[in-house]
Amino acid sequence: MAELRESRGEAQSLERGRLALDKELEQMRQRFSTLSREIEKAEGLRAQAESVAQLDGQRAQLDAEIARQELAISQGKLQREYLDKARKEVVRLTAEAQKRQTELARLEMLVVVAARVAELEGRQQRDTE
């Protein structure tokens, strides 16, 4: 009987150890499950992190392209302003040239008249001599 009690005590002790091990195994399974989910999330974040570097590179390229386009637009505006000023200057110079041509034509007529007057005065002087 003492043997039986001793065996029963050992069995109870083994049962308590098994239950403790079962409980610890369940905790480890839960911890493993939690770690697996965290690993999956981390892998997803790693892929996103790799795409961030690529997207940063693309953003830098786009920023550079925007800067080039803004510079081109600015240069285009300056050229347009220069062209507008040049056109206005051409209009002003054309008007001035026309004015000078009109003046020149009037002066040419005066030269002809002055030559005629000089000729007439010369004749008159010869005639009076």
Foldseek 3Di string as FASTA:
>chain_A
DVVVVVVVVVVVVVVVVVVVVVVVVVVVVVVVVVVVVVVVVVVVVVVVVVVVVVVVVVVVVVVVVVVVVVVVVVVVVVVVVVVVVVVVVVVVVVVVVVVVVVVVVVVVVVVVVVVVVVVVVVVVVVVVD
